[in-house]
């Protein structure tokens, strides 16, 4: 006589004697573990995927939107220079050189200034 498998459902936390394997957790350093659900809750989980199969690349192009503006010391926007949208295809394309990307003038990014007077 074999004993039926009894597992706790990962969704409703009830024990079931008809567990359904819904996910396999793989670990890099040691054994992984299985996640079970009861038959009623198993439909709420997506189908399992093979960990060794690479996902299909996304057909979408990468998008980057930059908002360029100046703010005052209180954080209020003083000058809005608009937005720049950059779309890339299969590989990253360099940003266009234009006046919308001035070098940062904050004290943390500003290069140290050399004094024009010489100390003797």
PDB file of N, CA and C in Angstrom:
ATOM      1  N   UNK A   1       0.831  -1.166   0.000  1.00  0.00           N
ATOM      2  CA  UNK A   1       0.000   0.000   0.000  1.00  0.00           C
ATOM      3  C   UNK A   1       0.889   1.246   0.000  1.00  0.00           C
ATOM      4  N   UNK A   2       0.665   2.122  -0.974  1.00  0.00           N
ATOM      5  CA  UNK A   2       1.455   3.343  -1.062  1.00  0.00           C
ATOM      6  C   UNK A   2       0.689   4.498  -0.435  1.00  0.00           C
ATOM      7  N   UNK A   3       1.430   5.354   0.172  1.00  0.00           N
ATOM      8  CA  UNK A   3       0.850   6.520   0.821  1.00  0.00           C
ATOM      9  C   UNK A   3       0.676   7.631  -0.211  1.00  0.00           C
ATOM     10  N   UNK A   4      -0.478   8.295  -0.278  1.00  0.00           N
ATOM     11  CA  UNK A   4      -0.658   9.357  -1.266  1.00  0.00           C
ATOM     12  C   UNK A   4       0.190  10.584  -0.916  1.00  0.00           C
ATOM     13  N   UNK A   5       0.619  11.275  -1.941  1.00  0.00           N
ATOM     14  CA  UNK A   5       1.405  12.491  -1.731  1.00  0.00           C
ATOM     15  C   UNK A   5       0.497  13.585  -1.174  1.00  0.00           C
ATOM     16  N   UNK A   6       0.945  14.218  -0.130  1.00  0.00           N
ATOM     17  CA  UNK A   6       0.195  15.318   0.477  1.00  0.00           C
ATOM     18  C   UNK A   6       1.096  16.548   0.437  1.00  0.00           C
ATOM     19  N   UNK A   7       0.609  17.578  -0.195  1.00  0.00           N
ATOM     20  CA  UNK A   7       1.371  18.816  -0.315  1.00  0.00           C
ATOM     21  C   UNK A   7       0.476  19.995   0.042  1.00  0.00           C
ATOM     22  N   UNK A   8       1.107  21.116   0.378  1.00  0.00           N
ATOM     23  CA  UNK A   8       0.356  22.329   0.641  1.00  0.00           C
ATOM     24  C   UNK A   8       0.287  23.162  -0.637  1.00  0.00           C
ATOM     25  N   UNK A   9      -0.884  23.689  -0.928  1.00  0.00           N
ATOM     26  CA  UNK A   9      -1.076  24.535  -2.105  1.00  0.00           C
ATOM     27  C   UNK A   9      -0.385  25.876  -1.865  1.00  0.00           C
ATOM     28  N   UNK A  10       0.409  26.311  -2.813  1.00  0.00           N
ATOM     29  CA  UNK A  10       1.138  27.573  -2.685  1.00  0.00           C
ATOM     30  C   UNK A  10       0.217  28.783  -2.792  1.00  0.00           C
ATOM     31  N   UNK A  11      -1.000  28.600  -3.301  1.00  0.00           N
ATOM     32  CA  UNK A  11      -1.918  29.741  -3.479  1.00  0.00           C
ATOM     33  C   UNK A  11      -2.900  29.853  -2.323  1.00  0.00           C
ATOM     34  N   UNK A  12      -3.630  28.786  -2.000  1.00  0.00           N
ATOM     35  CA  UNK A  12      -4.661  28.849  -0.952  1.00  0.00           C
ATOM     36  C   UNK A  12      -4.182  28.312   0.389  1.00  0.00           C
ATOM     37  N   UNK A  13      -2.990  27.723   0.430  1.00  0.00           N
ATOM     38  CA  UNK A  13      -2.355  27.216   1.649  1.00  0.00           C
ATOM     39  C   UNK A  13      -3.120  26.069   2.317  1.00  0.00           C
ATOM     40  N   UNK A  14      -3.952  25.370   1.576  1.00  0.00           N
ATOM     41  CA  UNK A  14      -4.623  24.179   2.088  1.00  0.00           C
ATOM     42  C   UNK A  14      -3.830  22.951   1.646  1.00  0.00           C
ATOM     43  N   UNK A  15      -3.897  21.886   2.426  1.00  0.00           N
ATOM     44  CA  UNK A  15      -3.226  20.658   2.019  1.00  0.00           C
ATOM     45  C   UNK A  15      -4.120  19.896   1.040  1.00  0.00           C
ATOM     46  N   UNK A  16      -3.470  19.215   0.104  1.00  0.00           N
ATOM     47  CA  UNK A  16      -4.188  18.443  -0.902  1.00  0.00           C
ATOM     48  C   UNK A  16      -3.483  17.118  -1.122  1.00  0.00           C
ATOM     49  N   UNK A  17      -4.261  16.098  -1.400  1.00  0.00           N
ATOM     50  CA  UNK A  17      -3.657  14.809  -1.736  1.00  0.00           C
ATOM     51  C   UNK A  17      -3.602  14.610  -3.245  1.00  0.00           C
ATOM     52  N   UNK A  18      -3.948  15.654  -4.007  1.00  0.00           N
ATOM     53  CA  UNK A  18      -3.831  15.635  -5.471  1.00  0.00           C
ATOM     54  C   UNK A  18      -2.996  16.845  -5.930  1.00  0.00           C
ATOM     55  N   UNK A  19      -1.733  16.959  -5.488  1.00  0.00           N
ATOM     56  CA  UNK A  19      -0.931  18.139  -5.827  1.00  0.00           C
ATOM     57  C   UNK A  19      -0.585  18.188  -7.313  1.00  0.00           C
ATOM     58  N   UNK A  20      -0.523  19.396  -7.824  1.00  0.00           N
ATOM     59  CA  UNK A  20      -0.145  19.640  -9.220  1.00  0.00           C
ATOM     60  C   UNK A  20       1.142  20.466  -9.193  1.00  0.00           C
ATOM     61  N   UNK A  21       2.171  19.996  -9.884  1.00  0.00           N
ATOM     62  CA  UNK A  21       3.433  20.724  -9.957  1.00  0.00           C
ATOM     63  C   UNK A  21       3.229  21.955 -10.829  1.00  0.00           C
ATOM     64  N   UNK A  22       3.435  23.152 -10.266  1.00  0.00           N
ATOM     65  CA  UNK A  22       3.203  24.382 -11.024  1.00  0.00           C
ATOM     66  C   UNK A  22       4.486  25.162 -11.291  1.00  0.00           C
ATOM     67  N   UNK A  23       5.549  24.871 -10.551  1.00  0.00           N
ATOM     68  CA  UNK A  23       6.786  25.622 -10.759  1.00  0.00           C
ATOM     69  C   UNK A  23       7.959  24.849 -10.169  1.00  0.00           C
ATOM     70  N   UNK A  24       9.095  24.909 -10.858  1.00  0.00           N
ATOM     71  CA  UNK A  24      10.333  24.334 -10.349  1.00  0.00           C
ATOM     72  C   UNK A  24      11.295  25.479 -10.088  1.00  0.00           C
ATOM     73  N   UNK A  25      11.784  25.587  -8.870  1.00  0.00           N
ATOM     74  CA  UNK A  25      12.727  26.640  -8.514  1.00  0.00           C
ATOM     75  C   UNK A  25      14.120  26.034  -8.551  1.00  0.00           C
ATOM     76  N   UNK A  26      14.973  26.551  -9.424  1.00  0.00           N
ATOM     77  CA  UNK A  26      16.341  26.074  -9.561  1.00  0.00           C
ATOM     78  C   UNK A  26      17.256  26.938  -8.714  1.00  0.00           C
ATOM     79  N   UNK A  27      18.221  26.328  -8.088  1.00  0.00           N
ATOM     80  CA  UNK A  27      19.164  27.055  -7.250  1.00  0.00           C
ATOM     81  C   UNK A  27      20.573  26.887  -7.805  1.00  0.00           C
ATOM     82  N   UNK A  28      21.346  27.942  -7.741  1.00  0.00           N
ATOM     83  CA  UNK A  28      22.712  27.889  -8.267  1.00  0.00           C
ATOM     84  C   UNK A  28      23.643  27.134  -7.332  1.00  0.00           C
ATOM     85  N   UNK A  29      23.363  27.165  -6.037  1.00  0.00           N
ATOM     86  CA  UNK A  29      24.245  26.518  -5.065  1.00  0.00           C
ATOM     87  C   UNK A  29      23.455  25.527  -4.232  1.00  0.00           C
ATOM     88  N   UNK A  30      23.130  24.406  -4.813  1.00  0.00           N
ATOM     89  CA  UNK A  30      22.425  23.375  -4.068  1.00  0.00           C
ATOM     90  C   UNK A  30      21.130  22.985  -4.753  1.00  0.00           C
ATOM     91  N   UNK A  31      20.390  22.107  -4.093  1.00  0.00           N
ATOM     92  CA  UNK A  31      19.162  21.625  -4.723  1.00  0.00           C
ATOM     93  C   UNK A  31      18.068  22.696  -4.726  1.00  0.00           C
ATOM     94  N   UNK A  32      17.259  22.663  -5.738  1.00  0.00           N
ATOM     95  CA  UNK A  32      16.120  23.560  -5.811  1.00  0.00           C
ATOM     96  C   UNK A  32      14.922  22.921  -5.123  1.00  0.00           C
ATOM     97  N   UNK A  33      13.727  23.415  -5.445  1.00  0.00           N
ATOM     98  CA  UNK A  33      12.531  22.835  -4.862  1.00  0.00           C
ATOM     99  C   UNK A  33      11.368  22.996  -5.825  1.00  0.00           C
ATOM    100  N   UNK A  34      10.322  22.259  -5.573  1.00  0.00           N
ATOM    101  CA  UNK A  34       9.122  22.291  -6.398  1.00  0.00           C
ATOM    102  C   UNK A  34       8.012  23.050  -5.684  1.00  0.00           C
ATOM    103  N   UNK A  35       7.173  23.708  -6.463  1.00  0.00           N
ATOM    104  CA  UNK A  35       6.024  24.431  -5.931  1.00  0.00           C
ATOM    105  C   UNK A  35       4.782  23.706  -6.421  1.00  0.00           C
ATOM    106  N   UNK A  36       3.892  23.380  -5.486  1.00  0.00           N
ATOM    107  CA  UNK A  36       2.689  22.630  -5.809  1.00  0.00           C
ATOM    108  C   UNK A  36       1.445  23.477  -5.544  1.00  0.00           C
ATOM    109  N   UNK A  37       0.375  23.118  -6.215  1.00  0.00           N
ATOM    110  CA  UNK A  37      -0.922  23.751  -5.999  1.00  0.00           C
ATOM    111  C   UNK A  37      -1.996  22.683  -6.045  1.00  0.00           C
ATOM    112  N   UNK A  38      -3.136  22.989  -5.480  1.00  0.00           N
ATOM    113  CA  UNK A  38      -4.261  22.060  -5.578  1.00  0.00           C
ATOM    114  C   UNK A  38      -4.839  22.172  -6.995  1.00  0.00           C
ATOM    115  N   UNK A  39      -5.599  21.201  -7.460  1.00  0.00           N
ATOM    116  CA  UNK A  39      -6.121  21.252  -8.831  1.00  0.00           C
ATOM    117  C   UNK A  39      -6.957  22.503  -9.123  1.00  0.00           C
ATOM    118  N   UNK A  40      -7.675  23.026  -8.123  1.00  0.00           N
ATOM    119  CA  UNK A  40      -8.496  24.221  -8.348  1.00  0.00           C
ATOM    120  C   UNK A  40      -7.628  25.466  -8.555  1.00  0.00           C
ATOM    121  N   UNK A  41      -6.527  25.558  -7.823  1.00  0.00           N
ATOM    122  CA  UNK A  41      -5.655  26.737  -7.922  1.00  0.00           C
ATOM    123  C   UNK A  41      -4.618  26.622  -9.037  1.00  0.00           C
ATOM    124  N   UNK A  42      -4.367  25.425  -9.538  1.00  0.00           N
ATOM    125  CA  UNK A  42      -3.327  25.223 -10.548  1.00  0.00           C
ATOM    126  C   UNK A  42      -3.624  25.996 -11.830  1.00  0.00           C
ATOM    127  N   UNK A  43      -4.899  26.253 -12.122  1.00  0.00           N
ATOM    128  CA  UNK A  43      -5.252  26.997 -13.338  1.00  0.00           C
ATOM    129  C   UNK A  43      -4.818  28.457 -13.267  1.00  0.00           C
ATOM    130  N   UNK A  44      -4.537  28.966 -12.088  1.00  0.00           N
ATOM    131  CA  UNK A  44      -4.138  30.369 -11.926  1.00  0.00           C
ATOM    132  C   UNK A  44      -2.651  30.588 -12.179  1.00  0.00           C
ATOM    133  N   UNK A  45      -1.900  29.531 -12.373  1.00  0.00           N
ATOM    134  CA  UNK A  45      -0.468  29.635 -12.630  1.00  0.00           C
ATOM    135  C   UNK A  45      -0.213  29.523 -14.127  1.00  0.00           C
ATOM    136  N   UNK A  46       0.767  30.287 -14.651  1.00  0.00           N
ATOM    137  CA  UNK A  46       1.109  30.139 -16.068  1.00  0.00           C
ATOM    138  C   UNK A  46       1.774  28.793 -16.306  1.00  0.00           C
ATOM    139  N   UNK A  47       1.795  28.321 -17.554  1.00  0.00           N
ATOM    140  CA  UNK A  47       2.448  27.037 -17.822  1.00  0.00           C
ATOM    141  C   UNK A  47       3.940  27.108 -17.492  1.00  0.00           C
ATOM    142  N   UNK A  48       4.485  25.997 -17.044  1.00  0.00           N
ATOM    143  CA  UNK A  48       5.904  25.965 -16.695  1.00  0.00           C
ATOM    144  C   UNK A  48       6.751  26.115 -17.950  1.00  0.00           C
ATOM    145  N   UNK A  49       7.893  26.750 -17.788  1.00  0.00           N
ATOM    146  CA  UNK A  49       8.836  26.914 -18.890  1.00  0.00           C
ATOM    147  C   UNK A  49      10.102  26.136 -18.563  1.00  0.00           C
ATOM    148  N   UNK A  50      10.831  25.770 -19.594  1.00  0.00           N
ATOM    149  CA  UNK A  50      12.086  25.064 -19.411  1.00  0.00           C
ATOM    150  C   UNK A  50      13.170  26.096 -19.106  1.00  0.00           C
ATOM    151  N   UNK A  51      13.892  25.913 -18.025  1.00  0.00           N
ATOM    152  CA  UNK A  51      14.912  26.878 -17.617  1.00  0.00           C
ATOM    153  C   UNK A  51      16.083  26.919 -18.584  1.00  0.00           C
ATOM    154  N   UNK A  52      16.260  25.877 -19.389  1.00  0.00           N
ATOM    155  CA  UNK A  52      17.391  25.838 -20.312  1.00  0.00           C
ATOM    156  C   UNK A  52      17.069  26.417 -21.684  1.00  0.00           C
ATOM    157  N   UNK A  53      15.823  26.820 -21.902  1.00  0.00           N
ATOM    158  CA  UNK A  53      15.427  27.396 -23.189  1.00  0.00           C
ATOM    159  C   UNK A  53      15.452  28.915 -23.067  1.00  0.00           C
ATOM    160  N   UNK A  54      16.159  29.561 -23.982  1.00  0.00           N
ATOM    161  CA  UNK A  54      16.235  31.020 -23.967  1.00  0.00           C
ATOM    162  C   UNK A  54      14.923  31.616 -24.460  1.00  0.00           C
ATOM    163  N   UNK A  55      14.472  32.705 -23.852  1.00  0.00           N
ATOM    164  CA  UNK A  55      13.241  33.335 -24.324  1.00  0.00           C
ATOM    165  C   UNK A  55      13.459  33.991 -25.685  1.00  0.00           C
ATOM    166  N   UNK A  56      12.395  34.124 -26.439  1.00  0.00           N
ATOM    167  CA  UNK A  56      12.473  34.771 -27.746  1.00  0.00           C
ATOM    168  C   UNK A  56      12.791  36.255 -27.566  1.00  0.00           C
ATOM    169  N   UNK A  57      13.607  36.813 -28.455  1.00  0.00           N
ATOM    170  CA  UNK A  57      13.900  38.246 -28.324  1.00  0.00           C
ATOM    171  C   UNK A  57      12.649  39.073 -28.597  1.00  0.00           C
ATOM    172  N   UNK A  58      12.586  40.191 -27.930  1.00  0.00           N
ATOM    173  CA  UNK A  58      11.437  41.079 -28.075  1.00  0.00           C
ATOM    174  C   UNK A  58      11.503  41.782 -29.430  1.00  0.00           C
ATOM    175  N   UNK A  59      10.397  41.803 -30.180  1.00  0.00           N
ATOM    176  CA  UNK A  59      10.432  42.474 -31.478  1.00  0.00           C
ATOM    177  C   UNK A  59      10.386  43.995 -31.356  1.00  0.00           C
ATOM    178  N   UNK A  60      10.087  44.515 -30.165  1.00  0.00           N
ATOM    179  CA  UNK A  60      10.005  45.956 -29.976  1.00  0.00           C
ATOM    180  C   UNK A  60      11.380  46.595 -30.017  1.00  0.00           C
ATOM    181  N   UNK A  61      11.404  47.819 -30.453  1.00  0.00           N
ATOM    182  CA  UNK A  61      12.642  48.577 -30.419  1.00  0.00           C
ATOM    183  C   UNK A  61      12.775  49.226 -29.047  1.00  0.00           C
ATOM    184  N   UNK A  62      14.003  49.396 -28.609  1.00  0.00           N
ATOM    185  CA  UNK A  62      14.241  50.064 -27.338  1.00  0.00           C
ATOM    186  C   UNK A  62      13.880  51.537 -27.472  1.00  0.00           C
ATOM    187  N   UNK A  63      13.324  52.084 -26.401  1.00  0.00           N
ATOM    188  CA  UNK A  63      12.937  53.487 -26.418  1.00  0.00           C
ATOM    189  C   UNK A  63      13.542  54.190 -25.218  1.00  0.00           C
ATOM    190  N   UNK A  64      13.934  55.432 -25.443  1.00  0.00           N
ATOM    191  CA  UNK A  64      14.458  56.264 -24.375  1.00  0.00           C
ATOM    192  C   UNK A  64      13.911  57.659 -24.580  1.00  0.00           C
ATOM    193  N   UNK A  65      13.293  58.232 -23.567  1.00  0.00           N
ATOM    194  CA  UNK A  65      12.776  59.588 -23.644  1.00  0.00           C
ATOM    195  C   UNK A  65      13.489  60.420 -22.592  1.00  0.00           C
ATOM    196  N   UNK A  66      14.105  61.501 -23.030  1.00  0.00           N
ATOM    197  CA  UNK A  66      14.811  62.407 -22.130  1.00  0.00           C
ATOM    198  C   UNK A  66      14.047  63.720 -22.045  1.00  0.00           C
ATOM    199  N   UNK A  67      13.789  64.183 -20.842  1.00  0.00           N
ATOM    200  CA  UNK A  67      13.191  65.505 -20.627  1.00  0.00           C
ATOM    201  C   UNK A  67      14.329  66.416 -20.227  1.00  0.00           C
ATOM    202  N   UNK A  68      14.486  67.521 -20.941  1.00  0.00           N
ATOM    203  CA  UNK A  68      15.581  68.444 -20.691  1.00  0.00           C
ATOM    204  C   UNK A  68      14.988  69.742 -20.156  1.00  0.00           C
ATOM    205  N   UNK A  69      15.377  70.128 -18.928  1.00  0.00           N
ATOM    206  CA  UNK A  69      14.872  71.350 -18.322  1.00  0.00           C
ATOM    207  C   UNK A  69      15.837  71.823 -17.259  1.00  0.00           C
ATOM    208  N   UNK A  70      15.665  73.082 -16.854  1.00  0.00           N
ATOM    209  CA  UNK A  70      16.454  73.660 -15.769  1.00  0.00           C
ATOM    210  C   UNK A  70      15.533  73.892 -14.588  1.00  0.00           C
ATOM    211  N   UNK A  71      16.081  73.731 -13.388  1.00  0.00           N
ATOM    212  CA  UNK A  71      15.321  73.985 -12.171  1.00  0.00           C
ATOM    213  C   UNK A  71      16.067  74.980 -11.304  1.00  0.00           C
ATOM    214  N   UNK A  72      15.325  75.710 -10.451  1.00  0.00           N
ATOM    215  CA  UNK A  72      15.964  76.636  -9.524  1.00  0.00           C
ATOM    216  C   UNK A  72      16.289  75.916  -8.223  1.00  0.00           C
ATOM    217  N   UNK A  73      16.774  76.645  -7.247  1.00  0.00           N
ATOM    218  CA  UNK A  73      17.193  76.041  -5.984  1.00  0.00           C
ATOM    219  C   UNK A  73      16.034  75.415  -5.227  1.00  0.00           C
ATOM    220  N   UNK A  74      14.795  75.868  -5.475  1.00  0.00           N
ATOM    221  CA  UNK A  74      13.623  75.309  -4.807  1.00  0.00           C
ATOM    222  C   UNK A  74      13.052  74.102  -5.532  1.00  0.00           C
ATOM    223  N   UNK A  75      13.603  73.755  -6.693  1.00  0.00           N
ATOM    224  CA  UNK A  75      13.133  72.606  -7.454  1.00  0.00           C
ATOM    225  C   UNK A  75      12.065  72.930  -8.475  1.00  0.00           C
ATOM    226  N   UNK A  76      11.755  74.219  -8.664  1.00  0.00           N
ATOM    227  CA  UNK A  76      10.755  74.617  -9.656  1.00  0.00           C
ATOM    228  C   UNK A  76      11.408  74.695 -11.035  1.00  0.00           C
ATOM    229  N   UNK A  77      10.697  74.248 -12.062  1.00  0.00           N
ATOM    230  CA  UNK A  77      11.214  74.271 -13.427  1.00  0.00           C
ATOM    231  C   UNK A  77      11.232  75.721 -13.910  1.00  0.00           C
ATOM    232  N   UNK A  78      12.425  76.186 -14.327  1.00  0.00           N
ATOM    233  CA  UNK A  78      12.549  77.562 -14.830  1.00  0.00           C
ATOM    234  C   UNK A  78      12.620  77.612 -16.348  1.00  0.00           C
ATOM    235  N   UNK A  79      13.099  76.553 -16.975  1.00  0.00           N
ATOM    236  CA  UNK A  79      13.208  76.533 -18.438  1.00  0.00           C
ATOM    237  C   UNK A  79      12.996  75.100 -18.915  1.00  0.00           C
ATOM    238  N   UNK A  80      11.994  74.914 -19.765  1.00  0.00           N
ATOM    239  CA  UNK A  80      11.703  73.591 -20.319  1.00  0.00           C
ATOM    240  C   UNK A  80      12.213  73.558 -21.745  1.00  0.00           C
ATOM    241  N   UNK A  81      13.157  72.675 -22.023  1.00  0.00           N
ATOM    242  CA  UNK A  81      13.730  72.578 -23.372  1.00  0.00           C
ATOM    243  C   UNK A  81      13.078  71.470 -24.184  1.00  0.00           C
ATOM    244  N   UNK A  82      12.014  70.879 -23.657  1.00  0.00           N
ATOM    245  CA  UNK A  82      11.289  69.854 -24.410  1.00  0.00           C
ATOM    246  C   UNK A  82      11.790  68.465 -24.100  1.00  0.00           C
ATOM    247  N   UNK A  83      11.436  67.540 -24.960  1.00  0.00           N
ATOM    248  CA  UNK A  83      11.870  66.170 -24.766  1.00  0.00           C
ATOM    249  C   UNK A  83      12.509  65.646 -26.033  1.00  0.00           C
ATOM    250  N   UNK A  84      13.435  64.722 -25.847  1.00  0.00           N
ATOM    251  CA  UNK A  84      14.154  64.091 -26.946  1.00  0.00           C
ATOM    252  C   UNK A  84      13.858  62.610 -26.864  1.00  0.00           C
ATOM    253  N   UNK A  85      13.364  62.031 -27.956  1.00  0.00           N
ATOM    254  CA  UNK A  85      13.069  60.597 -27.995  1.00  0.00           C
ATOM    255  C   UNK A  85      14.122  59.907 -28.843  1.00  0.00           C
ATOM    256  N   UNK A  86      14.658  58.838 -28.306  1.00  0.00           N
ATOM    257  CA  UNK A  86      15.685  58.076 -29.000  1.00  0.00           C
ATOM    258  C   UNK A  86      15.147  56.664 -29.190  1.00  0.00           C
ATOM    259  N   UNK A  87      15.068  56.200 -30.417  1.00  0.00           N
ATOM    260  CA  UNK A  87      14.647  54.834 -30.724  1.00  0.00           C
ATOM    261  C   UNK A  87      15.853  54.088 -31.269  1.00  0.00           C
ATOM    262  N   UNK A  88      16.051  52.866 -30.792  1.00  0.00           N
ATOM    263  CA  UNK A  88      17.155  52.073 -31.299  1.00  0.00           C
ATOM    264  C   UNK A  88      16.603  50.858 -32.004  1.00  0.00           C
ATOM    265  N   UNK A  89      17.335  50.387 -32.954  1.00  0.00           N
ATOM    266  CA  UNK A  89      16.940  49.187 -33.687  1.00  0.00           C
ATOM    267  C   UNK A  89      17.539  47.971 -33.032  1.00  0.00           C
ATOM    268  N   UNK A  90      18.227  47.150 -33.818  1.00  0.00           N
ATOM    269  CA  UNK A  90      18.823  45.943 -33.290  1.00  0.00           C
ATOM    270  C   UNK A  90      20.017  46.199 -32.401  1.00  0.00           C
ATOM    271  N   UNK A  91      20.680  47.333 -32.560  1.00  0.00           N
ATOM    272  CA  UNK A  91      21.823  47.651 -31.713  1.00  0.00           C
ATOM    273  C   UNK A  91      21.693  49.092 -31.250  1.00  0.00           C
ATOM    274  N   UNK A  92      22.416  49.431 -30.214  1.00  0.00           N
ATOM    275  CA  UNK A  92      22.335  50.778 -29.666  1.00  0.00           C
ATOM    276  C   UNK A  92      22.957  51.770 -30.645  1.00  0.00           C
ATOM    277  N   UNK A  93      22.233  52.814 -30.949  1.00  0.00           N
ATOM    278  CA  UNK A  93      22.727  53.858 -31.828  1.00  0.00           C
ATOM    279  C   UNK A  93      23.163  55.034 -30.969  1.00  0.00           C
ATOM    280  N   UNK A  94      24.234  55.749 -31.349  1.00  0.00           N
ATOM    281  CA  UNK A  94      24.699  56.854 -30.507  1.00  0.00           C
ATOM    282  C   UNK A  94      23.696  58.003 -30.507  1.00  0.00           C
ATOM    283  N   UNK A  95      23.676  58.746 -29.406  1.00  0.00           N
ATOM    284  CA  UNK A  95      22.817  59.910 -29.316  1.00  0.00           C
ATOM    285  C   UNK A  95      23.319  60.996 -30.256  1.00  0.00           C
ATOM    286  N   UNK A  96      22.414  61.742 -30.864  1.00  0.00           N
ATOM    287  CA  UNK A  96      22.855  62.809 -31.747  1.00  0.00           C
ATOM    288  C   UNK A  96      23.481  63.949 -30.949  1.00  0.00           C
ATOM    289  N   UNK A  97      24.512  64.588 -31.516  1.00  0.00           N
ATOM    290  CA  UNK A  97      25.137  65.741 -30.867  1.00  0.00           C
ATOM    291  C   UNK A  97      24.329  66.977 -31.237  1.00  0.00           C
ATOM    292  N   UNK A  98      23.773  67.620 -30.217  1.00  0.00           N
ATOM    293  CA  UNK A  98      22.985  68.816 -30.465  1.00  0.00           C
ATOM    294  C   UNK A  98      23.027  69.690 -29.225  1.00  0.00           C
ATOM    295  N   UNK A  99      22.510  70.892 -29.351  1.00  0.00           N
ATOM    296  CA  UNK A  99      22.585  71.839 -28.249  1.00  0.00           C
ATOM    297  C   UNK A  99      21.665  71.485 -27.093  1.00  0.00           C
ATOM    298  N   UNK A 100      20.799  70.478 -27.239  1.00  0.00           N
ATOM    299  CA  UNK A 100      19.897  70.083 -26.158  1.00  0.00           C
ATOM    300  C   UNK A 100      20.622  69.308 -25.070  1.00  0.00           C
ATOM    301  N   UNK A 101      21.892  68.936 -25.295  1.00  0.00           N
ATOM    302  CA  UNK A 101      22.649  68.180 -24.305  1.00  0.00           C
ATOM    303  C   UNK A 101      23.852  69.003 -23.840  1.00  0.00           C
ATOM    304  N   UNK A 102      23.647  70.124 -23.156  1.00  0.00           N
ATOM    305  CA  UNK A 102      24.825  70.877 -22.692  1.00  0.00           C
ATOM    306  C   UNK A 102      25.493  70.139 -21.540  1.00  0.00           C
ATOM    307  N   UNK A 103      26.776  70.384 -21.324  1.00  0.00           N
ATOM    308  CA  UNK A 103      27.422  69.736 -20.180  1.00  0.00           C
ATOM    309  C   UNK A 103      26.812  70.249 -18.883  1.00  0.00           C
ATOM    310  N   UNK A 104      26.801  69.406 -17.903  1.00  0.00           N
ATOM    311  CA  UNK A 104      26.207  69.752 -16.619  1.00  0.00           C
ATOM    312  C   UNK A 104      27.021  70.856 -15.952  1.00  0.00           C
ATOM    313  N   UNK A 105      26.348  71.804 -15.333  1.00  0.00           N
ATOM    314  CA  UNK A 105      27.016  72.925 -14.677  1.00  0.00           C
ATOM    315  C   UNK A 105      26.950  72.841 -13.160  1.00  0.00           C
ATOM    316  N   UNK A 106      26.514  71.703 -12.608  1.00  0.00           N
ATOM    317  CA  UNK A 106      26.419  71.611 -11.151  1.00  0.00           C
ATOM    318  C   UNK A 106      27.820  71.499 -10.551  1.00  0.00           C
ATOM    319  N   UNK A 107      27.997  71.884  -9.285  1.00  0.00           N
ATOM    320  CA  UNK A 107      29.334  71.840  -8.671  1.00  0.00           C
ATOM    321  C   UNK A 107      29.940  70.441  -8.647  1.00  0.00           C
ATOM    322  N   UNK A 108      29.105  69.400  -8.577  1.00  0.00           N
ATOM    323  CA  UNK A 108      29.649  68.046  -8.550  1.00  0.00           C
ATOM    324  C   UNK A 108      30.223  67.598  -9.879  1.00  0.00           C
ATOM    325  N   UNK A 109      29.681  68.120 -10.988  1.00  0.00           N
ATOM    326  CA  UNK A 109      30.132  67.706 -12.316  1.00  0.00           C
ATOM    327  C   UNK A 109      31.082  68.716 -12.962  1.00  0.00           C
ATOM    328  N   UNK A 110      31.061  69.929 -12.477  1.00  0.00           N
ATOM    329  CA  UNK A 110      31.896  70.979 -13.069  1.00  0.00           C
ATOM    330  C   UNK A 110      33.365  70.661 -12.817  1.00  0.00           C
ATOM    331  N   UNK A 111      34.220  70.796 -13.848  1.00  0.00           N
ATOM    332  CA  UNK A 111      35.647  70.535 -13.623  1.00  0.00           C
ATOM    333  C   UNK A 111      36.224  71.594 -12.688  1.00  0.00           C
ATOM    334  N   UNK A 112      37.229  71.227 -11.886  1.00  0.00           N
ATOM    335  CA  UNK A 112      37.815  72.220 -10.977  1.00  0.00           C
ATOM    336  C   UNK A 112      38.439  73.352 -11.769  1.00  0.00           C
ATOM    337  N   UNK A 113      38.200  74.563 -11.285  1.00  0.00           N
ATOM    338  CA  UNK A 113      38.733  75.732 -11.987  1.00  0.00           C
ATOM    339  C   UNK A 113      40.110  76.048 -11.449  1.00  0.00           C
ATOM    340  N   UNK A 114      40.975  76.385 -12.363  1.00  0.00           N
ATOM    341  CA  UNK A 114      42.330  76.767 -11.974  1.00  0.00           C
ATOM    342  C   UNK A 114      42.349  78.260 -11.683  1.00  0.00           C
ATOM    343  N   UNK A 115      43.061  78.633 -10.675  1.00  0.00           N
ATOM    344  CA  UNK A 115      43.131  80.050 -10.354  1.00  0.00           C
ATOM    345  C   UNK A 115      44.037  80.733 -11.366  1.00  0.00           C
ATOM    346  N   UNK A 116      43.676  81.963 -11.715  1.00  0.00           N
ATOM    347  CA  UNK A 116      44.458  82.711 -12.696  1.00  0.00           C
ATOM    348  C   UNK A 116      45.571  83.495 -12.033  1.00  0.00           C
ATOM    349  N   UNK A 117      45.514  83.654 -10.709  1.00  0.00           N
ATOM    350  CA  UNK A 117      46.578  84.360 -10.001  1.00  0.00           C
ATOM    351  C   UNK A 117      47.531  83.337  -9.416  1.00  0.00           C
ATOM    352  N   UNK A 118      48.779  83.680  -9.428  1.00  0.00           N
ATOM    353  CA  UNK A 118      49.795  82.786  -8.875  1.00  0.00           C
ATOM    354  C   UNK A 118      50.168  83.248  -7.480  1.00  0.00           C
ATOM    355  N   UNK A 119      50.249  82.299  -6.576  1.00  0.00           N
ATOM    356  CA  UNK A 119      50.647  82.628  -5.215  1.00  0.00           C
ATOM    357  C   UNK A 119      52.153  82.538  -5.112  1.00  0.00           C
ATOM    358  N   UNK A 120      52.728  83.493  -4.448  1.00  0.00           N
ATOM    359  CA  UNK A 120      54.191  83.472  -4.281  1.00  0.00           C
ATOM    360  C   UNK A 120      54.575  83.309  -2.844  1.00  0.00           C
TER     361      UNK A 120
END
